[in-house]
Amino acid sequence: MNAFADKQHLSTREIQALDSAHFLHPFTDFKDLASRGARIITHAQGIYVWDSEGEKMLDAMSGLWCVNVGYARQELADAAYRQMMTLPFYNSFFQTTNLPAVQLAARLAALAPPVGERSFAHVFYSSSGSESNDSNVRMVRRYWDLLGQPERKVIIGRLNAYHGSTMAGASLGGMSGMHAQGDLPIPNIAHIGQPYFFENGLPGETADEFGLRAAGWLEEKILALGPDRVAAFIAEPVQGAGGVIIAPDSYWPEIQRIVDKYGILLISDEVICAFGRVGHWFAYEKFGYQPDLVTFAKAVTSGYIPLGGVMVGNRVAKVLIEQGGEFTHGYTYSGHPVACAVALANLDIMEREQLVQRVKGELGAYLARRFGELSDHPLVGLAETCGFMAGLVLVKNKATRARFHPDAAVGMLCRGHCFNNGLIMRAVGDRMIIAPPLVMTTAEIDEMIRLIRLALNLTQQDLKQKGQL
């Protein structure tokens, strides 16, 4: 037997050494991680995870925005086992299909509410959000080719948006750190500013005025590029990895007006926001816009098995089906039977426990009230929520909204205090963000808020000692 086959026989240091020797982690400074050693998560239950040292942590990030029904749900393990013993895998190439993939596609189509003339009867499967957004690029350009407009290739995204880390996904996103590596973005991808009122609003400007101005950047970009070259606009309903950036109410109606005016496709990247995160099955319903394509992944299986896909609206699907012939794109794991079976069981749990309704109703309201109370902390310049995702801005001066110098790494300082006191909370620059499991109780929300406030207090003490306050 391999000496490393049973992790129970290895100490934390031994596992860390093995990890550093063989495992290249995503979004990681490999040298830095090797010097300190990775935190080893060993097991989880409900909203909590434990590490190899026995430390219990409240997971306020749902793993990575995905474990909506919480950890260790027996039904999901049973669904995976049953399917593995029935049909563990078969591909969807060569005119074949499998029952879970078909059932899930029909279920998702039923859950996706029609908006205006747009409805969603079709699903294209992948294994992740990154793959799904790569599929969007292929699908959008194929659509315009079939309509005799091959010059329409440019897809516009937003700065500080995240649409995955593949070549196309990272290009669609607008994160400068990602674009600095790998010759990104690829050709025919453009970007506009993000609708972040706290940072980009002008003196005396209202949130709604800013929302209209920020949406107007899309029209300006379309005109600068030439409307006959623009294929689509892609955006997250709420920018997740960018720091839970919530657009003003005026933003999305104006975006809808602009894409309709120029006839371009609208892609709603809901890898984070779909499946109850903002109190709806799909977030476009909450914000009232009409996408042509909807990217999903993560919470469709609550992260238990990798699965992603694209909800393809009738405008695009009709052209692809009736005029398209062969669409030369897909993945080995498109419509993976085990992943689809787990997704079906996950949706069963969400419907039975009314998780979407709870987030839209009293539980979401309770989180909004409790999180909003953090606004009274001296370090907090803004605290806002949208369903079961929330963010706060760390500021040096509440009255002037003066920010800390980036070199102070105040967000990482706060994150360290979170982790050291049993809370997993993410730092994005000077924004601290959460996206907890949808199964939380009010008592667990209270516990989370107490731990956030503790981390804020400890951060404030550190900054005072360093003379940065």
Protein backbone atom coordinates (compact mmCIF):
# COMPACT_ATOMS: atom_id res chain seq x y z
CA MET A 1 0.00 0.00 0.00
CA ASN A 2 1.15 3.55 -0.71
CA ALA A 3 2.58 5.03 2.48
CA PHE A 4 0.46 8.14 1.96
CA ALA A 5 -2.82 6.38 1.18
CA ASP A 6 -4.30 6.84 4.66
CA LYS A 7 -4.25 10.46 5.76
CA GLN A 8 -5.16 9.39 9.30
CA HIS A 9 -1.61 8.12 9.71
CA LEU A 10 -0.07 11.48 8.77
CA SER A 11 0.50 14.50 10.98
CA THR A 12 -0.53 17.99 9.88
CA ARG A 13 3.09 18.84 9.07
CA GLU A 14 3.49 15.67 6.99
CA ILE A 15 0.34 16.44 4.99
CA GLN A 16 1.50 20.03 4.48
CA ALA A 17 4.88 18.82 3.24
CA LEU A 18 3.23 16.39 0.85
CA ASP A 19 0.87 19.13 -0.32
CA SER A 20 3.75 21.53 -1.03
CA ALA A 21 5.70 18.83 -2.83
CA HIS A 22 2.93 17.84 -5.24
CA PHE A 23 -0.20 20.05 -5.24
CA LEU A 24 -0.18 23.36 -7.12
CA HIS A 25 -3.16 25.27 -5.70
CA PRO A 26 -5.34 27.68 -7.71
CA PHE A 27 -4.77 31.44 -7.31
CA THR A 28 -1.77 30.83 -5.03
CA ASP A 29 1.77 32.08 -4.52
CA PHE A 30 3.31 28.60 -4.44
CA LYS A 31 6.51 29.68 -2.71
CA ASP A 32 4.66 31.61 -0.03
CA LEU A 33 2.27 28.71 0.66
CA ALA A 34 5.16 26.26 0.95
CA SER A 35 6.76 28.47 3.58
CA ARG A 36 3.69 28.48 5.83
CA GLY A 37 1.81 25.28 4.94
CA ALA A 38 -1.79 24.90 3.80
CA ARG A 39 -4.70 24.69 6.20
CA ILE A 40 -6.03 21.14 5.93
CA ILE A 41 -9.82 20.83 6.06
CA THR A 42 -10.76 17.34 7.20
CA HIS A 43 -14.53 17.23 7.59
CA ALA A 44 -17.68 19.34 7.65
CA GLN A 45 -21.24 19.34 8.96
CA GLY A 46 -24.02 21.84 8.38
CA ILE A 47 -22.42 25.29 8.16
CA TYR A 48 -19.16 24.30 9.90
CA VAL A 49 -15.84 22.87 8.77
CA TRP A 50 -12.98 21.44 10.85
CA ASP A 51 -9.27 21.43 10.16
CA SER A 52 -6.57 18.87 10.97
CA GLU A 53 -5.84 20.59 14.28
CA GLY A 54 -9.46 20.17 15.40
CA GLU A 55 -10.37 23.84 14.95
CA LYS A 56 -14.05 24.44 14.13
CA MET A 57 -14.90 27.27 11.73
CA LEU A 58 -18.21 28.78 10.66
CA ASP A 59 -18.08 28.78 6.87
CA ALA A 60 -19.56 32.13 5.89
CA MET A 61 -18.48 31.59 2.26
CA SER A 62 -20.37 28.30 1.55
CA GLY A 63 -17.09 26.73 0.48
CA LEU A 64 -16.67 28.93 -2.59
CA TRP A 65 -20.19 30.40 -2.95
CA CYS A 66 -21.66 26.94 -3.55
CA VAL A 67 -22.65 24.77 -0.54
CA ASN A 68 -26.17 26.18 -0.34
CA VAL A 69 -27.75 23.21 1.46
CA GLY A 70 -24.87 22.80 3.90
CA TYR A 71 -22.35 20.03 4.37
CA ALA A 72 -22.86 16.28 4.90
CA ARG A 73 -26.32 15.92 3.39
CA GLN A 74 -26.94 12.19 3.21
CA GLU A 75 -29.43 12.51 0.35
CA LEU A 76 -26.78 13.88 -1.97
CA ALA A 77 -24.33 11.12 -1.12
CA ASP A 78 -27.07 8.54 -1.65
CA ALA A 79 -28.02 10.05 -5.01
CA ALA A 80 -24.40 9.88 -6.17
CA TYR A 81 -24.04 6.27 -4.99
CA ARG A 82 -27.24 5.10 -6.66
CA GLN A 83 -26.27 6.68 -9.95
CA MET A 84 -22.72 5.36 -9.77
CA MET A 85 -24.08 1.84 -9.33
CA THR A 86 -26.53 2.33 -12.22
CA LEU A 87 -24.63 4.36 -14.81
CA PRO A 88 -21.49 6.03 -13.44
CA PHE A 89 -20.62 7.66 -16.74
CA TYR A 90 -21.49 7.84 -20.37
CA ASN A 91 -20.81 10.63 -22.81
CA SER A 92 -23.40 12.78 -24.57
CA PHE A 93 -21.61 12.68 -27.92
CA PHE A 94 -22.69 10.48 -30.86
CA GLN A 95 -26.44 11.05 -30.46
CA THR A 96 -26.62 9.52 -26.96
CA THR A 97 -28.12 10.78 -23.72
CA ASN A 98 -28.86 9.65 -20.17
CA LEU A 99 -31.90 9.98 -17.94
CA PRO A 100 -30.52 12.27 -15.18
CA ALA A 101 -29.22 14.78 -17.76
CA VAL A 102 -32.59 14.88 -19.50
CA GLN A 103 -34.53 15.15 -16.23
CA LEU A 104 -32.31 17.94 -14.93
CA ALA A 105 -32.53 19.92 -18.18
CA ALA A 106 -36.32 19.77 -17.99
CA ARG A 107 -36.28 20.69 -14.30
CA LEU A 108 -34.03 23.70 -14.86
CA ALA A 109 -36.16 24.86 -17.77
CA ALA A 110 -39.20 24.74 -15.50
CA LEU A 111 -37.41 26.72 -12.76
CA ALA A 112 -36.14 29.48 -15.05
CA PRO A 113 -38.94 32.03 -15.24
CA PRO A 114 -39.74 33.43 -18.69
CA VAL A 115 -39.22 37.18 -18.99
CA GLY A 116 -40.95 39.13 -21.73
CA GLU A 117 -40.60 37.21 -24.98
CA ARG A 118 -37.59 35.27 -23.69
CA SER A 119 -37.91 31.80 -22.17
CA PHE A 120 -35.42 29.06 -21.39
CA ALA A 121 -36.26 25.61 -22.65
CA HIS A 122 -32.72 24.37 -23.37
CA VAL A 123 -29.55 23.62 -21.38
CA PHE A 124 -25.97 23.15 -22.55
CA TYR A 125 -23.91 21.32 -19.90
CA SER A 126 -20.34 21.79 -18.74
CA SER A 127 -18.44 21.04 -15.53
CA SER A 128 -17.82 24.57 -14.26
CA GLY A 129 -18.62 28.24 -14.62
CA SER A 130 -15.38 28.81 -16.52
CA GLU A 131 -16.28 26.16 -19.08
CA SER A 132 -19.78 27.54 -19.31
CA ASN A 133 -18.54 31.01 -20.18
CA ASP A 134 -16.17 29.53 -22.77
CA SER A 135 -19.29 27.89 -24.20
CA ASN A 136 -21.03 31.26 -24.23
CA VAL A 137 -18.28 32.73 -26.40
CA ARG A 138 -18.57 29.85 -28.87
CA MET A 139 -22.36 29.94 -28.85
CA VAL A 140 -22.68 33.71 -29.24
CA ARG A 141 -20.30 33.83 -32.18
CA ARG A 142 -21.95 30.83 -33.80
CA TYR A 143 -25.33 32.55 -33.43
CA TRP A 144 -24.18 35.66 -35.29
CA ASP A 145 -22.40 33.59 -37.94
CA LEU A 146 -25.64 31.76 -38.67
CA LEU A 147 -27.49 35.06 -38.97
CA GLY A 148 -25.01 36.21 -41.58
CA GLN A 149 -23.27 38.73 -39.33
CA PRO A 150 -19.85 37.14 -38.68
CA GLU A 151 -18.33 40.56 -37.95
CA ARG A 152 -20.26 40.59 -34.66
CA LYS A 153 -17.57 39.03 -32.47
CA VAL A 154 -16.89 41.52 -29.67
CA ILE A 155 -18.20 40.63 -26.22
CA ILE A 156 -18.22 43.41 -23.64
CA GLY A 157 -17.66 42.68 -19.96
CA ARG A 158 -16.99 44.83 -16.90
CA LEU A 159 -13.84 45.75 -15.03
CA ASN A 160 -13.43 43.85 -11.74
CA ALA A 161 -15.91 41.21 -12.94
CA TYR A 162 -15.12 37.51 -12.65
CA HIS A 163 -16.22 35.02 -15.30
CA GLY A 164 -13.76 32.18 -14.69
CA SER A 165 -10.07 31.51 -15.14
CA THR A 166 -9.83 29.78 -18.52
CA MET A 167 -8.45 31.82 -21.42
CA ALA A 168 -11.92 32.96 -22.48
CA GLY A 169 -13.37 33.20 -18.97
CA ALA A 170 -10.48 35.25 -17.64
CA SER A 171 -10.65 37.48 -20.71
CA LEU A 172 -14.37 38.12 -20.26
CA GLY A 173 -13.70 39.04 -16.63
CA GLY A 174 -12.07 42.35 -15.91
CA MET A 175 -9.54 41.55 -13.20
CA SER A 176 -6.22 43.26 -13.88
CA GLY A 177 -4.20 40.70 -11.96
CA MET A 178 -5.47 37.94 -14.22
CA HIS A 179 -4.97 39.96 -17.38
CA ALA A 180 -1.35 40.58 -16.38
CA GLN A 181 -0.59 36.89 -16.99
CA GLY A 182 -1.09 34.89 -20.16
CA ASP A 183 -1.48 37.66 -22.75
CA LEU A 184 -5.06 38.43 -21.75
CA PRO A 185 -7.61 39.41 -22.74
CA ILE A 186 -7.88 37.47 -25.97
CA PRO A 187 -8.97 39.46 -29.07
CA ASN A 188 -12.50 40.83 -29.41
CA ILE A 189 -13.14 41.23 -25.69
CA ALA A 190 -13.75 44.73 -24.30
CA HIS A 191 -14.63 46.15 -20.88
CA ILE A 192 -16.51 48.99 -19.22
CA GLY A 193 -16.46 50.26 -15.63
CA GLN A 194 -18.23 48.50 -12.78
CA PRO A 195 -21.38 49.96 -11.16
CA TYR A 196 -19.72 50.55 -7.76
CA PHE A 197 -21.39 53.65 -6.35
CA PHE A 198 -19.35 53.79 -3.12
CA GLU A 199 -16.12 54.09 -5.10
CA ASN A 200 -17.19 55.73 -8.36
CA GLY A 201 -20.10 57.98 -7.44
CA LEU A 202 -19.58 61.71 -7.91
CA PRO A 203 -20.09 64.30 -5.14
CA GLY A 204 -23.79 65.13 -4.92
CA GLU A 205 -24.77 62.30 -7.26
CA THR A 206 -27.55 59.97 -6.12
CA ALA A 207 -27.25 56.20 -6.42
CA ASP A 208 -29.88 56.11 -9.16
CA GLU A 209 -28.15 58.88 -11.08
CA PHE A 210 -24.91 56.95 -10.87
CA GLY A 211 -26.66 53.75 -11.96
CA LEU A 212 -27.85 55.42 -15.15
CA ARG A 213 -24.41 56.90 -15.77
CA ALA A 214 -22.69 53.54 -15.21
CA ALA A 215 -25.10 51.78 -17.57
CA GLY A 216 -24.41 54.51 -20.11
CA TRP A 217 -20.80 53.35 -20.29
CA LEU A 218 -22.11 50.32 -22.20
CA GLU A 219 -23.72 52.48 -24.88
CA GLU A 220 -20.58 54.57 -25.14
CA LYS A 221 -18.48 51.43 -25.65
CA ILE A 222 -20.89 50.01 -28.25
CA LEU A 223 -20.73 53.24 -30.25
CA ALA A 224 -16.94 53.42 -29.95
CA LEU A 225 -16.54 49.85 -31.22
CA GLY A 226 -19.29 50.07 -33.80
CA PRO A 227 -22.70 48.48 -33.11
CA ASP A 228 -22.29 46.09 -36.03
CA ARG A 229 -19.23 44.54 -34.32
CA VAL A 230 -20.73 43.92 -30.86
CA ALA A 231 -22.11 40.46 -30.19
CA ALA A 232 -23.03 40.47 -26.50
CA PHE A 233 -22.71 42.03 -23.07
CA ILE A 234 -21.86 39.72 -20.15
CA ALA A 235 -22.33 40.64 -16.49
CA GLU A 236 -22.94 39.15 -13.06
CA PRO A 237 -26.22 40.25 -11.44
CA VAL A 238 -24.11 41.02 -8.36
CA GLN A 239 -20.33 40.99 -8.80
CA GLY A 240 -19.22 38.24 -6.45
CA ALA A 241 -15.46 37.74 -6.52
CA GLY A 242 -15.12 41.46 -7.19
CA GLY A 243 -16.36 42.14 -3.66
CA VAL A 244 -20.18 41.77 -3.68
CA ILE A 245 -20.73 44.88 -5.80
CA ILE A 246 -24.48 45.60 -5.95
CA ALA A 247 -25.60 47.92 -8.73
CA PRO A 248 -28.11 50.71 -8.00
CA ASP A 249 -31.76 49.97 -8.85
CA SER A 250 -31.61 52.14 -11.96
CA TYR A 251 -28.77 50.16 -13.54
CA TRP A 252 -30.33 47.01 -14.96
CA PRO A 253 -33.39 48.61 -16.62
CA GLU A 254 -31.04 50.95 -18.47
CA ILE A 255 -28.75 48.06 -19.47
CA GLN A 256 -31.83 46.29 -20.86
CA ARG A 257 -32.80 49.36 -22.87
CA ILE A 258 -29.32 49.60 -24.36
CA VAL A 259 -28.93 45.95 -25.39
CA ASP A 260 -32.41 46.00 -26.90
CA LYS A 261 -31.67 49.22 -28.78
CA TYR A 262 -28.62 47.73 -30.48
CA GLY A 263 -29.90 44.17 -30.74
CA ILE A 264 -27.00 42.59 -28.88
CA LEU A 265 -27.24 39.48 -26.72
CA LEU A 266 -27.30 39.72 -22.93
CA ILE A 267 -25.47 37.06 -20.89
CA SER A 268 -26.31 36.82 -17.18
CA ASP A 269 -23.44 35.07 -15.37
CA GLU A 270 -25.25 33.51 -12.41
CA VAL A 271 -22.59 31.03 -11.30
CA ILE A 272 -22.80 32.65 -7.87
CA CYS A 273 -26.23 34.30 -7.86
CA ALA A 274 -28.52 31.49 -9.09
CA PHE A 275 -30.26 28.84 -6.96
CA GLY A 276 -31.49 30.98 -4.11
CA ARG A 277 -28.46 33.12 -3.33
CA VAL A 278 -30.41 36.37 -3.90
CA GLY A 279 -33.84 34.98 -3.02
CA HIS A 280 -34.81 33.71 -6.48
CA TRP A 281 -34.01 30.59 -8.46
CA PHE A 282 -32.35 32.85 -11.01
CA ALA A 283 -31.19 36.37 -10.20
CA TYR A 284 -32.35 37.99 -13.44
CA GLU A 285 -35.88 37.66 -12.09
CA LYS A 286 -35.01 39.75 -9.01
CA PHE A 287 -33.42 42.52 -11.05
CA GLY A 288 -36.03 42.43 -13.81
CA TYR A 289 -33.90 42.07 -16.92
CA GLN A 290 -34.21 39.67 -19.84
CA PRO A 291 -31.04 37.68 -20.62
CA ASP A 292 -30.53 35.50 -23.66
CA LEU A 293 -28.04 33.17 -21.95
CA VAL A 294 -27.63 32.35 -18.25
CA THR A 295 -24.42 30.82 -16.91
CA PHE A 296 -24.79 28.47 -13.93
CA ALA A 297 -22.63 26.11 -11.84
CA LYS A 298 -21.63 25.89 -8.15
CA ALA A 299 -24.91 25.73 -6.19
CA VAL A 300 -26.76 23.59 -8.76
CA THR A 301 -25.23 20.63 -6.87
CA SER A 302 -24.33 22.63 -3.75
CA GLY A 303 -20.75 21.97 -4.80
CA TYR A 304 -20.95 18.25 -4.01
CA ILE A 305 -20.11 17.27 -7.61
CA PRO A 306 -18.71 19.57 -10.34
CA LEU A 307 -21.45 20.66 -12.75
CA GLY A 308 -22.08 23.76 -14.81
CA GLY A 309 -24.00 24.85 -17.84
CA VAL A 310 -25.77 27.51 -19.82
CA MET A 311 -29.49 28.14 -19.91
CA VAL A 312 -30.03 28.93 -23.59
CA GLY A 313 -32.89 31.30 -24.30
CA ASN A 314 -35.29 30.74 -27.17
CA ARG A 315 -33.83 33.59 -29.24
CA VAL A 316 -30.46 31.80 -29.46
CA ALA A 317 -31.67 28.20 -29.27
CA LYS A 318 -34.04 28.59 -32.22
CA VAL A 319 -31.23 29.75 -34.50
CA LEU A 320 -28.79 27.08 -33.33
CA ILE A 321 -31.36 24.32 -33.76
CA GLU A 322 -33.13 25.38 -36.95
CA GLN A 323 -30.22 26.88 -38.88
CA GLY A 324 -27.12 25.51 -37.22
CA GLY A 325 -26.26 22.00 -38.28
CA GLU A 326 -23.48 20.58 -36.08
CA PHE A 327 -22.29 22.75 -33.20
CA THR A 328 -18.67 21.63 -32.88
CA HIS A 329 -18.27 22.24 -29.17
CA GLY A 330 -18.68 20.24 -25.97
CA TYR A 331 -16.98 18.40 -23.13
CA THR A 332 -16.38 14.82 -22.08
CA TYR A 333 -18.42 15.45 -18.95
CA SER A 334 -21.28 17.38 -20.55
CA GLY A 335 -24.41 15.99 -18.89
CA HIS A 336 -22.45 13.72 -16.54
CA PRO A 337 -25.07 11.32 -15.11
CA VAL A 338 -23.76 11.35 -11.51
CA ALA A 339 -23.47 15.14 -11.42
CA CYS A 340 -26.99 15.53 -12.83
CA ALA A 341 -28.42 13.00 -10.35
CA VAL A 342 -26.87 14.91 -7.44
CA ALA A 343 -28.22 18.19 -8.85
CA LEU A 344 -31.73 16.74 -8.95
CA ALA A 345 -31.45 15.62 -5.32
CA ASN A 346 -30.06 19.03 -4.37
CA LEU A 347 -33.01 20.80 -5.99
CA ASP A 348 -35.34 18.44 -4.13
CA ILE A 349 -33.83 19.57 -0.83
CA MET A 350 -34.03 23.23 -1.75
CA GLU A 351 -37.68 22.96 -2.76
CA ARG A 352 -38.71 20.82 0.22
CA GLU A 353 -36.99 23.11 2.73
CA GLN A 354 -38.15 26.25 0.86
CA LEU A 355 -34.65 27.71 0.95
CA VAL A 356 -35.28 30.18 -1.86
CA GLN A 357 -38.41 31.47 -0.18
CA ARG A 358 -36.61 31.76 3.19
CA VAL A 359 -33.84 33.87 1.66
CA LYS A 360 -36.39 36.07 -0.10
CA GLY A 361 -38.42 36.34 3.09
CA GLU A 362 -37.73 36.41 6.80
CA LEU A 363 -34.27 34.80 6.86
CA GLY A 364 -32.86 37.17 4.25
CA ALA A 365 -34.45 40.10 6.05
CA TYR A 366 -32.91 38.95 9.33
CA LEU A 367 -29.45 38.71 7.78
CA ALA A 368 -29.87 42.16 6.23
CA ARG A 369 -30.81 43.68 9.59
CA ARG A 370 -28.02 42.00 11.56
CA PHE A 371 -25.35 42.66 8.93
CA GLY A 372 -26.50 46.25 8.64
CA GLU A 373 -25.82 46.71 12.35
CA LEU A 374 -22.10 46.40 11.56
CA SER A 375 -22.34 49.88 10.02
CA ASP A 376 -21.88 51.32 13.49
CA HIS A 377 -18.33 49.97 13.73
CA PRO A 378 -15.61 52.65 13.35
CA LEU A 379 -13.91 50.70 10.56
CA VAL A 380 -17.04 50.11 8.47
CA GLY A 381 -17.86 52.67 5.80
CA LEU A 382 -20.64 50.64 4.19
CA ALA A 383 -22.43 47.37 4.96
CA GLU A 384 -24.90 46.04 2.40
CA THR A 385 -26.63 42.77 1.55
CA CYS A 386 -28.43 41.19 -1.36
CA GLY A 387 -30.21 38.04 -0.31
CA PHE A 388 -27.61 35.75 1.24
CA MET A 389 -24.51 37.61 0.08
CA ALA A 390 -23.11 40.68 1.76
CA GLY A 391 -20.10 42.97 1.86
CA LEU A 392 -18.68 45.71 4.01
CA VAL A 393 -16.02 48.31 3.23
CA LEU A 394 -13.18 48.93 5.67
CA VAL A 395 -12.37 52.64 5.87
CA LYS A 396 -9.84 54.77 7.73
CA ASN A 397 -12.31 57.58 8.33
CA LYS A 398 -16.09 57.04 8.30
CA ALA A 399 -16.91 60.74 7.91
CA THR A 400 -14.73 61.33 4.85
CA ARG A 401 -14.77 57.73 3.57
CA ALA A 402 -10.98 57.92 3.41
CA ARG A 403 -9.56 54.53 2.50
CA PHE A 404 -6.49 52.73 3.77
CA HIS A 405 -3.39 52.63 1.60
CA PRO A 406 -3.34 49.35 -0.34
CA ASP A 407 0.02 48.48 1.25
CA ALA A 408 -1.71 48.28 4.62
CA ALA A 409 -3.51 45.13 3.37
CA VAL A 410 -6.24 45.87 5.89
CA GLY A 411 -8.61 43.32 4.35
CA MET A 412 -6.07 40.51 4.73
CA LEU A 413 -5.39 41.63 8.29
CA CYS A 414 -9.09 41.36 9.08
CA ARG A 415 -9.36 38.02 7.30
CA GLY A 416 -6.55 36.67 9.45
CA HIS A 417 -8.48 37.58 12.59
CA CYS A 418 -11.60 35.93 11.13
CA PHE A 419 -9.80 32.64 10.47
CA ASN A 420 -8.01 32.70 13.82
CA ASN A 421 -11.31 33.06 15.64
CA GLY A 422 -13.39 30.43 13.89
CA LEU A 423 -14.87 32.34 10.95
CA ILE A 424 -14.28 31.94 7.22
CA MET A 425 -14.82 35.36 5.65
CA ARG A 426 -13.25 36.55 2.42
CA ALA A 427 -11.25 39.70 1.79
CA VAL A 428 -11.33 41.47 -1.59
CA GLY A 429 -9.02 44.41 -1.16
CA ASP A 430 -10.62 46.44 1.60
CA ARG A 431 -14.01 44.77 1.23
CA MET A 432 -14.95 41.88 3.53
CA ILE A 433 -17.59 39.60 2.04
CA ILE A 434 -19.78 36.66 2.96
CA ALA A 435 -22.10 34.23 1.16
CA PRO A 436 -23.20 31.76 3.86
CA PRO A 437 -25.13 28.50 3.36
CA LEU A 438 -28.85 29.06 2.87
CA VAL A 439 -29.67 26.59 5.66
CA MET A 440 -28.45 28.92 8.43
CA THR A 441 -30.65 29.55 11.44
CA THR A 442 -31.14 32.96 13.04
CA ALA A 443 -28.97 31.78 15.95
CA GLU A 444 -26.17 30.92 13.52
CA ILE A 445 -26.52 34.31 11.86
CA ASP A 446 -26.14 35.88 15.30
CA GLU A 447 -23.01 33.81 15.89
CA MET A 448 -21.57 34.89 12.53
CA ILE A 449 -22.20 38.58 13.21
CA ARG A 450 -20.57 38.24 16.65
CA LEU A 451 -17.47 36.71 15.05
CA ILE A 452 -17.33 39.41 12.36
CA ARG A 453 -17.52 42.13 14.99
CA LEU A 454 -14.78 40.42 17.00
CA ALA A 455 -12.53 40.36 13.91
CA LEU A 456 -13.27 44.04 13.25
CA ASN A 457 -12.37 44.93 16.83
CA LEU A 458 -9.09 43.02 16.66
CA THR A 459 -8.27 44.63 13.32
CA GLN A 460 -8.93 48.07 14.80
CA GLN A 461 -6.60 47.30 17.71
CA ASP A 462 -3.84 46.18 15.34
CA LEU A 463 -4.17 49.28 13.18
CA LYS A 464 -3.99 51.56 16.22
CA GLN A 465 -0.87 49.78 17.47
CA LYS A 466 0.73 50.24 14.04
CA GLY A 467 -0.18 53.92 14.01
CA GLN A 468 -2.42 53.50 10.96
CA LEU A 469 -5.53 54.86 12.68
